Amino acid sequence: MVHDATLSVMIYLIRHGQTAYNAAAVIQPADTPLNERGLDQADRLAARLGALGVAHVLASDLPRAVYDGRAYRTGHRGFARTQPATARTELRGRPW
């Protein structure tokens, strides 16, 4: 019997949830937190990624992105996940 050992990797690029500055179309400082809509978006994203079976999450270490990663790590409605979420300084946006 011959097996085709093809490795498949899917990468999702996801922007952080909404902030008050995003909603107002204003360029924001690095430490801007998510607004209520952004928090809801992060929770829904966590549920979606969990359903897709995502194995690992890398996020910028900026607060608005860290929350998205933390929402995934803790899971939708607070159920813990075993998949790690890693905050990385090299994933920060660049200054204009």
PDB file of N, CA and C in Angstrom:
ATOM      1  N   MET A   1       0.841  -1.167   0.000  1.00  0.00           N
ATOM      2  CA  MET A   1       0.000   0.000   0.000  1.00  0.00           C
ATOM      3  C   MET A   1       0.896   1.243   0.000  1.00  0.00           C
ATOM      4  N   VAL A   2       0.620   2.193  -0.860  1.00  0.00           N
ATOM      5  CA  VAL A   2       1.393   3.428  -0.957  1.00  0.00           C
ATOM      6  C   VAL A   2       0.584   4.558  -0.330  1.00  0.00           C
ATOM      7  N   HIS A   3       1.242   5.319   0.561  1.00  0.00           N
ATOM      8  CA  HIS A   3       0.593   6.467   1.200  1.00  0.00           C
ATOM      9  C   HIS A   3       1.223   7.752   0.686  1.00  0.00           C
ATOM     10  N   ASP A   4       0.404   8.703   0.349  1.00  0.00           N
ATOM     11  CA  ASP A   4       0.883  10.020  -0.053  1.00  0.00           C
ATOM     12  C   ASP A   4       0.979  10.875   1.208  1.00  0.00           C
ATOM     13  N   ALA A   5       2.196  11.106   1.680  1.00  0.00           N
ATOM     14  CA  ALA A   5       2.411  11.857   2.922  1.00  0.00           C
ATOM     15  C   ALA A   5       2.534  13.346   2.622  1.00  0.00           C
ATOM     16  N   THR A   6       1.467  13.945   2.161  1.00  0.00           N
ATOM     17  CA  THR A   6       1.462  15.361   1.842  1.00  0.00           C
ATOM     18  C   THR A   6       1.138  16.163   3.095  1.00  0.00           C
ATOM     19  N   LEU A   7       1.988  17.117   3.412  1.00  0.00           N
ATOM     20  CA  LEU A   7       1.769  17.977   4.564  1.00  0.00           C
ATOM     21  C   LEU A   7       1.038  19.227   4.093  1.00  0.00           C
ATOM     22  N   SER A   8      -0.023  19.548   4.758  1.00  0.00           N
ATOM     23  CA  SER A   8      -0.807  20.718   4.398  1.00  0.00           C
ATOM     24  C   SER A   8      -0.874  21.663   5.592  1.00  0.00           C
ATOM     25  N   VAL A   9      -0.572  22.921   5.349  1.00  0.00           N
ATOM     26  CA  VAL A   9      -0.624  23.932   6.399  1.00  0.00           C
ATOM     27  C   VAL A   9      -1.504  25.074   5.914  1.00  0.00           C
ATOM     28  N   MET A  10      -2.437  25.484   6.747  1.00  0.00           N
ATOM     29  CA  MET A  10      -3.303  26.611   6.421  1.00  0.00           C
ATOM     30  C   MET A  10      -2.926  27.765   7.345  1.00  0.00           C
ATOM     31  N   ILE A  11      -2.694  28.934   6.785  1.00  0.00           N
ATOM     32  CA  ILE A  11      -2.342  30.117   7.572  1.00  0.00           C
ATOM     33  C   ILE A  11      -3.444  31.156   7.394  1.00  0.00           C
ATOM     34  N   TYR A  12      -3.943  31.667   8.504  1.00  0.00           N
ATOM     35  CA  TYR A  12      -4.965  32.712   8.489  1.00  0.00           C
ATOM     36  C   TYR A  12      -4.334  34.004   8.982  1.00  0.00           C
ATOM     37  N   LEU A  13      -4.459  35.066   8.215  1.00  0.00           N
ATOM     38  CA  LEU A  13      -4.006  36.389   8.647  1.00  0.00           C
ATOM     39  C   LEU A  13      -5.244  37.153   9.086  1.00  0.00           C
ATOM     40  N   ILE A  14      -5.253  37.559  10.338  1.00  0.00           N
ATOM     41  CA  ILE A  14      -6.450  38.164  10.912  1.00  0.00           C
ATOM     42  C   ILE A  14      -6.081  39.480  11.571  1.00  0.00           C
ATOM     43  N   ARG A  15      -6.838  40.485  11.286  1.00  0.00           N
ATOM     44  CA  ARG A  15      -6.645  41.781  11.920  1.00  0.00           C
ATOM     45  C   ARG A  15      -7.323  41.782  13.284  1.00  0.00           C
ATOM     46  N   HIS A  16      -6.797  42.570  14.199  1.00  0.00           N
ATOM     47  CA  HIS A  16      -7.384  42.685  15.538  1.00  0.00           C
ATOM     48  C   HIS A  16      -8.816  43.213  15.462  1.00  0.00           C
ATOM     49  N   GLY A  17      -9.552  43.064  16.545  1.00  0.00           N
ATOM     50  CA  GLY A  17     -10.923  43.573  16.625  1.00  0.00           C
ATOM     51  C   GLY A  17     -10.957  45.099  16.600  1.00  0.00           C
ATOM     52  N   GLN A  18     -12.148  45.631  16.513  1.00  0.00           N
ATOM     53  CA  GLN A  18     -12.346  47.077  16.375  1.00  0.00           C
ATOM     54  C   GLN A  18     -11.947  47.846  17.637  1.00  0.00           C
ATOM     55  N   THR A  19     -11.387  49.040  17.423  1.00  0.00           N
ATOM     56  CA  THR A  19     -11.102  49.983  18.501  1.00  0.00           C
ATOM     57  C   THR A  19     -11.918  51.244  18.242  1.00  0.00           C
ATOM     58  N   ALA A  20     -11.992  52.120  19.220  1.00  0.00           N
ATOM     59  CA  ALA A  20     -12.719  53.382  19.035  1.00  0.00           C
ATOM     60  C   ALA A  20     -12.096  54.194  17.902  1.00  0.00           C
ATOM     61  N   TYR A  21     -10.768  54.160  17.797  1.00  0.00           N
ATOM     62  CA  TYR A  21     -10.095  54.893  16.725  1.00  0.00           C
ATOM     63  C   TYR A  21     -10.402  54.289  15.352  1.00  0.00           C
ATOM     64  N   ASN A  22     -10.446  52.962  15.249  1.00  0.00           N
ATOM     65  CA  ASN A  22     -10.824  52.335  13.976  1.00  0.00           C
ATOM     66  C   ASN A  22     -12.198  52.809  13.542  1.00  0.00           C
ATOM     67  N   ALA A  23     -13.137  52.808  14.482  1.00  0.00           N
ATOM     68  CA  ALA A  23     -14.517  53.189  14.172  1.00  0.00           C
ATOM     69  C   ALA A  23     -14.597  54.633  13.690  1.00  0.00           C
ATOM     70  N   ALA A  24     -13.692  55.487  14.181  1.00  0.00           N
ATOM     71  CA  ALA A  24     -13.682  56.897  13.794  1.00  0.00           C
ATOM     72  C   ALA A  24     -12.736  57.170  12.626  1.00  0.00           C
ATOM     73  N   ALA A  25     -12.129  56.118  12.056  1.00  0.00           N
ATOM     74  CA  ALA A  25     -11.192  56.237  10.933  1.00  0.00           C
ATOM     75  C   ALA A  25     -10.009  57.147  11.275  1.00  0.00           C
ATOM     76  N   VAL A  26      -9.456  56.965  12.487  1.00  0.00           N
ATOM     77  CA  VAL A  26      -8.322  57.748  12.963  1.00  0.00           C
ATOM     78  C   VAL A  26      -7.135  56.810  13.168  1.00  0.00           C
ATOM     79  N   ILE A  27      -5.944  57.242  12.756  1.00  0.00           N
ATOM     80  CA  ILE A  27      -4.739  56.453  13.022  1.00  0.00           C
ATOM     81  C   ILE A  27      -4.524  56.455  14.526  1.00  0.00           C
ATOM     82  N   GLN A  28      -4.303  55.281  15.089  1.00  0.00           N
ATOM     83  CA  GLN A  28      -4.302  55.142  16.541  1.00  0.00           C
ATOM     84  C   GLN A  28      -2.926  54.906  17.130  1.00  0.00           C
ATOM     85  N   PRO A  29      -2.774  55.247  18.411  1.00  0.00           N
ATOM     86  CA  PRO A  29      -1.529  54.894  19.096  1.00  0.00           C
ATOM     87  C   PRO A  29      -1.454  53.386  19.320  1.00  0.00           C
ATOM     88  N   ALA A  30      -0.270  52.906  19.635  1.00  0.00           N
ATOM     89  CA  ALA A  30      -0.040  51.464  19.746  1.00  0.00           C
ATOM     90  C   ALA A  30      -0.818  50.790  20.867  1.00  0.00           C
ATOM     91  N   ASP A  31      -1.125  51.502  21.931  1.00  0.00           N
ATOM     92  CA  ASP A  31      -1.735  50.863  23.094  1.00  0.00           C
ATOM     93  C   ASP A  31      -3.256  51.000  23.160  1.00  0.00           C
ATOM     94  N   THR A  32      -3.899  51.233  22.037  1.00  0.00           N
ATOM     95  CA  THR A  32      -5.353  51.391  22.004  1.00  0.00           C
ATOM     96  C   THR A  32      -6.047  50.058  22.264  1.00  0.00           C
ATOM     97  N   PRO A  33      -6.954  50.009  23.247  1.00  0.00           N
ATOM     98  CA  PRO A  33      -7.668  48.759  23.533  1.00  0.00           C
ATOM     99  C   PRO A  33      -8.845  48.547  22.583  1.00  0.00           C
ATOM    100  N   LEU A  34      -9.364  47.352  22.564  1.00  0.00           N
ATOM    101  CA  LEU A  34     -10.569  47.060  21.794  1.00  0.00           C
ATOM    102  C   LEU A  34     -11.767  47.736  22.452  1.00  0.00           C
ATOM    103  N   ASN A  35     -12.725  48.169  21.616  1.00  0.00           N
ATOM    104  CA  ASN A  35     -13.981  48.679  22.166  1.00  0.00           C
ATOM    105  C   ASN A  35     -14.936  47.495  22.354  1.00  0.00           C
ATOM    106  N   GLU A  36     -16.173  47.762  22.763  1.00  0.00           N
ATOM    107  CA  GLU A  36     -17.119  46.667  23.023  1.00  0.00           C
ATOM    108  C   GLU A  36     -17.337  45.797  21.790  1.00  0.00           C
ATOM    109  N   ARG A  37     -17.448  46.442  20.635  1.00  0.00           N
ATOM    110  CA  ARG A  37     -17.626  45.665  19.401  1.00  0.00           C
ATOM    111  C   ARG A  37     -16.394  44.801  19.135  1.00  0.00           C
ATOM    112  N   GLY A  38     -15.210  45.366  19.350  1.00  0.00           N
ATOM    113  CA  GLY A  38     -13.973  44.617  19.156  1.00  0.00           C
ATOM    114  C   GLY A  38     -13.847  43.432  20.098  1.00  0.00           C
ATOM    115  N   LEU A  39     -14.297  43.600  21.353  1.00  0.00           N
ATOM    116  CA  LEU A  39     -14.281  42.489  22.310  1.00  0.00           C
ATOM    117  C   LEU A  39     -15.209  41.376  21.843  1.00  0.00           C
ATOM    118  N   ASP A  40     -16.377  41.760  21.335  1.00  0.00           N
ATOM    119  CA  ASP A  40     -17.318  40.764  20.801  1.00  0.00           C
ATOM    120  C   ASP A  40     -16.723  40.068  19.576  1.00  0.00           C
ATOM    121  N   GLN A  41     -16.071  40.840  18.699  1.00  0.00           N
ATOM    122  CA  GLN A  41     -15.436  40.250  17.522  1.00  0.00           C
ATOM    123  C   GLN A  41     -14.362  39.239  17.935  1.00  0.00           C
ATOM    124  N   ALA A  42     -13.570  39.571  18.959  1.00  0.00           N
ATOM    125  CA  ALA A  42     -12.521  38.657  19.426  1.00  0.00           C
ATOM    126  C   ALA A  42     -13.127  37.366  19.966  1.00  0.00           C
ATOM    127  N   ASP A  43     -14.218  37.476  20.709  1.00  0.00           N
ATOM    128  CA  ASP A  43     -14.876  36.276  21.239  1.00  0.00           C
ATOM    129  C   ASP A  43     -15.431  35.403  20.116  1.00  0.00           C
ATOM    130  N   ARG A  44     -16.030  36.049  19.100  1.00  0.00           N
ATOM    131  CA  ARG A  44     -16.565  35.278  17.968  1.00  0.00           C
ATOM    132  C   ARG A  44     -15.440  34.653  17.153  1.00  0.00           C
ATOM    133  N   LEU A  45     -14.328  35.372  17.014  1.00  0.00           N
ATOM    134  CA  LEU A  45     -13.161  34.829  16.319  1.00  0.00           C
ATOM    135  C   LEU A  45     -12.628  33.597  17.048  1.00  0.00           C
ATOM    136  N   ALA A  46     -12.563  33.670  18.371  1.00  0.00           N
ATOM    137  CA  ALA A  46     -12.085  32.528  19.164  1.00  0.00           C
ATOM    138  C   ALA A  46     -12.933  31.293  18.898  1.00  0.00           C
ATOM    139  N   ALA A  47     -14.240  31.479  18.864  1.00  0.00           N
ATOM    140  CA  ALA A  47     -15.136  30.347  18.597  1.00  0.00           C
ATOM    141  C   ALA A  47     -14.906  29.797  17.194  1.00  0.00           C
ATOM    142  N   ARG A  48     -14.737  30.683  16.236  1.00  0.00           N
ATOM    143  CA  ARG A  48     -14.537  30.265  14.843  1.00  0.00           C
ATOM    144  C   ARG A  48     -13.223  29.513  14.667  1.00  0.00           C
ATOM    145  N   LEU A  49     -12.146  30.051  15.250  1.00  0.00           N
ATOM    146  CA  LEU A  49     -10.851  29.381  15.146  1.00  0.00           C
ATOM    147  C   LEU A  49     -10.878  28.025  15.834  1.00  0.00           C
ATOM    148  N   GLY A  50     -11.568  27.950  16.960  1.00  0.00           N
ATOM    149  CA  GLY A  50     -11.696  26.668  17.652  1.00  0.00           C
ATOM    150  C   GLY A  50     -12.410  25.643  16.795  1.00  0.00           C
ATOM    151  N   ALA A  51     -13.457  26.076  16.099  1.00  0.00           N
ATOM    152  CA  ALA A  51     -14.209  25.171  15.229  1.00  0.00           C
ATOM    153  C   ALA A  51     -13.366  24.708  14.042  1.00  0.00           C
ATOM    154  N   LEU A  52     -12.415  25.544  13.612  1.00  0.00           N
ATOM    155  CA  LEU A  52     -11.542  25.187  12.493  1.00  0.00           C
ATOM    156  C   LEU A  52     -10.399  24.274  12.921  1.00  0.00           C
ATOM    157  N   GLY A  53     -10.205  24.102  14.214  1.00  0.00           N
ATOM    158  CA  GLY A  53      -9.119  23.250  14.693  1.00  0.00           C
ATOM    159  C   GLY A  53      -7.751  23.886  14.577  1.00  0.00           C
ATOM    160  N   VAL A  54      -7.680  25.204  14.700  1.00  0.00           N
ATOM    161  CA  VAL A  54      -6.402  25.912  14.612  1.00  0.00           C
ATOM    162  C   VAL A  54      -5.464  25.409  15.703  1.00  0.00           C
ATOM    163  N   ALA A  55      -4.224  25.115  15.330  1.00  0.00           N
ATOM    164  CA  ALA A  55      -3.262  24.519  16.258  1.00  0.00           C
ATOM    165  C   ALA A  55      -2.475  25.549  17.052  1.00  0.00           C
ATOM    166  N   HIS A  56      -2.276  26.746  16.525  1.00  0.00           N
ATOM    167  CA  HIS A  56      -1.450  27.732  17.214  1.00  0.00           C
ATOM    168  C   HIS A  56      -1.840  29.129  16.759  1.00  0.00           C
ATOM    169  N   VAL A  57      -1.754  30.088  17.663  1.00  0.00           N
ATOM    170  CA  VAL A  57      -2.044  31.484  17.348  1.00  0.00           C
ATOM    171  C   VAL A  57      -0.818  32.320  17.694  1.00  0.00           C
ATOM    172  N   LEU A  58      -0.356  33.126  16.742  1.00  0.00           N
ATOM    173  CA  LEU A  58       0.690  34.116  16.976  1.00  0.00           C
ATOM    174  C   LEU A  58       0.033  35.476  16.865  1.00  0.00           C
ATOM    175  N   ALA A  59       0.297  36.358  17.826  1.00  0.00           N
ATOM    176  CA  ALA A  59      -0.312  37.688  17.811  1.00  0.00           C
ATOM    177  C   ALA A  59       0.733  38.725  18.184  1.00  0.00           C
ATOM    178  N   SER A  60       0.539  39.943  17.731  1.00  0.00           N
ATOM    179  CA  SER A  60       1.351  41.056  18.193  1.00  0.00           C
ATOM    180  C   SER A  60       1.192  41.165  19.706  1.00  0.00           C
ATOM    181  N   ASP A  61       2.173  41.773  20.366  1.00  0.00           N
ATOM    182  CA  ASP A  61       2.056  41.964  21.808  1.00  0.00           C
ATOM    183  C   ASP A  61       1.330  43.260  22.171  1.00  0.00           C
ATOM    184  N   LEU A  62       0.802  43.968  21.182  1.00  0.00           N
ATOM    185  CA  LEU A  62       0.015  45.171  21.465  1.00  0.00           C
ATOM    186  C   LEU A  62      -1.322  44.769  22.086  1.00  0.00           C
ATOM    187  N   PRO A  63      -1.840  45.572  23.026  1.00  0.00           N
ATOM    188  CA  PRO A  63      -3.046  45.180  23.774  1.00  0.00           C
ATOM    189  C   PRO A  63      -4.226  44.738  22.913  1.00  0.00           C
ATOM    190  N   ARG A  64      -4.493  45.442  21.836  1.00  0.00           N
ATOM    191  CA  ARG A  64      -5.667  45.089  21.027  1.00  0.00           C
ATOM    192  C   ARG A  64      -5.513  43.722  20.357  1.00  0.00           C
ATOM    193  N   ALA A  65      -4.285  43.334  20.025  1.00  0.00           N
ATOM    194  CA  ALA A  65      -4.051  42.024  19.411  1.00  0.00           C
ATOM    195  C   ALA A  65      -3.914  40.932  20.464  1.00  0.00           C
ATOM    196  N   VAL A  66      -3.316  41.266  21.588  1.00  0.00           N
ATOM    197  CA  VAL A  66      -3.164  40.280  22.664  1.00  0.00           C
ATOM    198  C   VAL A  66      -4.527  39.791  23.126  1.00  0.00           C
ATOM    199  N   TYR A  67      -5.513  40.694  23.217  1.00  0.00           N
ATOM    200  CA  TYR A  67      -6.841  40.258  23.652  1.00  0.00           C
ATOM    201  C   TYR A  67      -7.398  39.219  22.691  1.00  0.00           C
ATOM    202  N   ASP A  68      -7.227  39.429  21.381  1.00  0.00           N
ATOM    203  CA  ASP A  68      -7.720  38.451  20.408  1.00  0.00           C
ATOM    204  C   ASP A  68      -7.086  37.086  20.648  1.00  0.00           C
ATOM    205  N   GLY A  69      -5.771  37.060  20.888  1.00  0.00           N
ATOM    206  CA  GLY A  69      -5.088  35.801  21.167  1.00  0.00           C
ATOM    207  C   GLY A  69      -5.540  35.180  22.474  1.00  0.00           C
ATOM    208  N   ARG A  70      -5.739  36.015  23.497  1.00  0.00           N
ATOM    209  CA  ARG A  70      -6.184  35.513  24.796  1.00  0.00           C
ATOM    210  C   ARG A  70      -7.594  34.946  24.690  1.00  0.00           C
ATOM    211  N   ALA A  71      -8.458  35.593  23.919  1.00  0.00           N
ATOM    212  CA  ALA A  71      -9.824  35.086  23.738  1.00  0.00           C
ATOM    213  C   ALA A  71      -9.784  33.692  23.125  1.00  0.00           C
ATOM    214  N   TYR A  72      -8.874  33.491  22.180  1.00  0.00           N
ATOM    215  CA  TYR A  72      -8.754  32.162  21.578  1.00  0.00           C
ATOM    216  C   TYR A  72      -8.218  31.156  22.588  1.00  0.00           C
ATOM    217  N   ARG A  73      -7.178  31.562  23.324  1.00  0.00           N
ATOM    218  CA  ARG A  73      -6.547  30.641  24.267  1.00  0.00           C
ATOM    219  C   ARG A  73      -7.518  30.209  25.358  1.00  0.00           C
ATOM    220  N   THR A  74      -8.305  31.138  25.881  1.00  0.00           N
ATOM    221  CA  THR A  74      -9.233  30.785  26.955  1.00  0.00           C
ATOM    222  C   THR A  74     -10.493  30.142  26.415  1.00  0.00           C
ATOM    223  N   GLY A  75     -10.767  30.372  25.145  1.00  0.00           N
ATOM    224  CA  GLY A  75     -11.916  29.724  24.522  1.00  0.00           C
ATOM    225  C   GLY A  75     -13.199  30.523  24.646  1.00  0.00           C
ATOM    226  N   HIS A  76     -14.083  30.244  23.758  1.00  0.00           N
ATOM    227  CA  HIS A  76     -15.390  30.890  23.750  1.00  0.00           C
ATOM    228  C   HIS A  76     -16.152  30.502  25.009  1.00  0.00           C
ATOM    229  N   ARG A  77     -16.737  31.462  25.666  1.00  0.00           N
ATOM    230  CA  ARG A  77     -17.516  31.271  26.901  1.00  0.00           C
ATOM    231  C   ARG A  77     -16.678  30.707  28.044  1.00  0.00           C
ATOM    232  N   GLY A  78     -15.353  30.953  28.000  1.00  0.00           N
ATOM    233  CA  GLY A  78     -14.496  30.610  29.124  1.00  0.00           C
ATOM    234  C   GLY A  78     -13.962  29.190  29.171  1.00  0.00           C
ATOM    235  N   PHE A  79     -14.284  28.335  28.214  1.00  0.00           N
ATOM    236  CA  PHE A  79     -13.758  26.972  28.235  1.00  0.00           C
ATOM    237  C   PHE A  79     -12.304  26.984  27.775  1.00  0.00           C
ATOM    238  N   ALA A  80     -11.429  26.391  28.548  1.00  0.00           N
ATOM    239  CA  ALA A  80      -9.992  26.424  28.248  1.00  0.00           C
ATOM    240  C   ALA A  80      -9.665  25.584  27.015  1.00  0.00           C
ATOM    241  N   ARG A  81      -8.702  26.070  26.237  1.00  0.00           N
ATOM    242  CA  ARG A  81      -8.181  25.338  25.080  1.00  0.00           C
ATOM    243  C   ARG A  81      -6.750  24.914  25.403  1.00  0.00           C
ATOM    244  N   THR A  82      -6.319  23.869  24.756  1.00  0.00           N
ATOM    245  CA  THR A  82      -4.939  23.438  24.952  1.00  0.00           C
ATOM    246  C   THR A  82      -3.995  24.131  23.975  1.00  0.00           C
ATOM    247  N   GLN A  83      -4.523  24.705  22.901  1.00  0.00           N
ATOM    248  CA  GLN A  83      -3.676  25.359  21.916  1.00  0.00           C
ATOM    249  C   GLN A  83      -3.114  26.659  22.502  1.00  0.00           C
ATOM    250  N   PRO A  84      -1.817  26.903  22.320  1.00  0.00           N
ATOM    251  CA  PRO A  84      -1.214  28.112  22.862  1.00  0.00           C
ATOM    252  C   PRO A  84      -1.484  29.334  21.991  1.00  0.00           C
ATOM    253  N   ALA A  85      -1.406  30.487  22.603  1.00  0.00           N
ATOM    254  CA  ALA A  85      -1.422  31.759  21.884  1.00  0.00           C
ATOM    255  C   ALA A  85      -0.157  32.486  22.314  1.00  0.00           C
ATOM    256  N   THR A  86       0.639  32.914  21.364  1.00  0.00           N
ATOM    257  CA  THR A  86       1.930  33.511  21.655  1.00  0.00           C
ATOM    258  C   THR A  86       1.954  34.960  21.202  1.00  0.00           C
ATOM    259  N   ALA A  87       2.299  35.883  22.109  1.00  0.00           N
ATOM    260  CA  ALA A  87       2.439  37.303  21.764  1.00  0.00           C
ATOM    261  C   ALA A  87       3.875  37.545  21.315  1.00  0.00           C
ATOM    262  N   ARG A  88       4.032  38.195  20.162  1.00  0.00           N
ATOM    263  CA  ARG A  88       5.365  38.404  19.587  1.00  0.00           C
ATOM    264  C   ARG A  88       5.592  39.886  19.286  1.00  0.00           C
ATOM    265  N   THR A  89       6.707  40.439  19.759  1.00  0.00           N
ATOM    266  CA  THR A  89       7.019  41.849  19.510  1.00  0.00           C
ATOM    267  C   THR A  89       7.260  42.117  18.029  1.00  0.00           C
ATOM    268  N   GLU A  90       7.795  41.149  17.308  1.00  0.00           N
ATOM    269  CA  GLU A  90       8.091  41.382  15.887  1.00  0.00           C
ATOM    270  C   GLU A  90       6.840  41.432  15.011  1.00  0.00           C
ATOM    271  N   LEU A  91       5.677  41.185  15.585  1.00  0.00           N
ATOM    272  CA  LEU A  91       4.428  41.274  14.822  1.00  0.00           C
ATOM    273  C   LEU A  91       3.702  42.600  15.039  1.00  0.00           C
ATOM    274  N   ARG A  92       4.334  43.537  15.709  1.00  0.00           N
ATOM    275  CA  ARG A  92       3.738  44.867  15.889  1.00  0.00           C
ATOM    276  C   ARG A  92       3.645  45.573  14.544  1.00  0.00           C
ATOM    277  N   GLY A  93       2.655  46.449  14.432  1.00  0.00           N
ATOM    278  CA  GLY A  93       2.585  47.300  13.249  1.00  0.00           C
ATOM    279  C   GLY A  93       3.777  48.246  13.244  1.00  0.00           C
ATOM    280  N   ARG A  94       4.106  48.765  12.127  1.00  0.00           N
ATOM    281  CA  ARG A  94       5.248  49.666  12.019  1.00  0.00           C
ATOM    282  C   ARG A  94       4.796  51.120  12.123  1.00  0.00           C
ATOM    283  N   PRO A  95       5.623  51.999  12.706  1.00  0.00           N
ATOM    284  CA  PRO A  95       5.249  53.411  12.819  1.00  0.00           C
ATOM    285  C   PRO A  95       5.189  54.066  11.438  1.00  0.00           C
ATOM    286  N   TRP A  96       4.306  55.009  11.301  1.00  0.00           N
ATOM    287  CA  TRP A  96       4.166  55.730  10.031  1.00  0.00           C
ATOM    288  C   TRP A  96       5.194  56.780   9.996  1.00  0.00           C
TER     289      TRP A  96
END
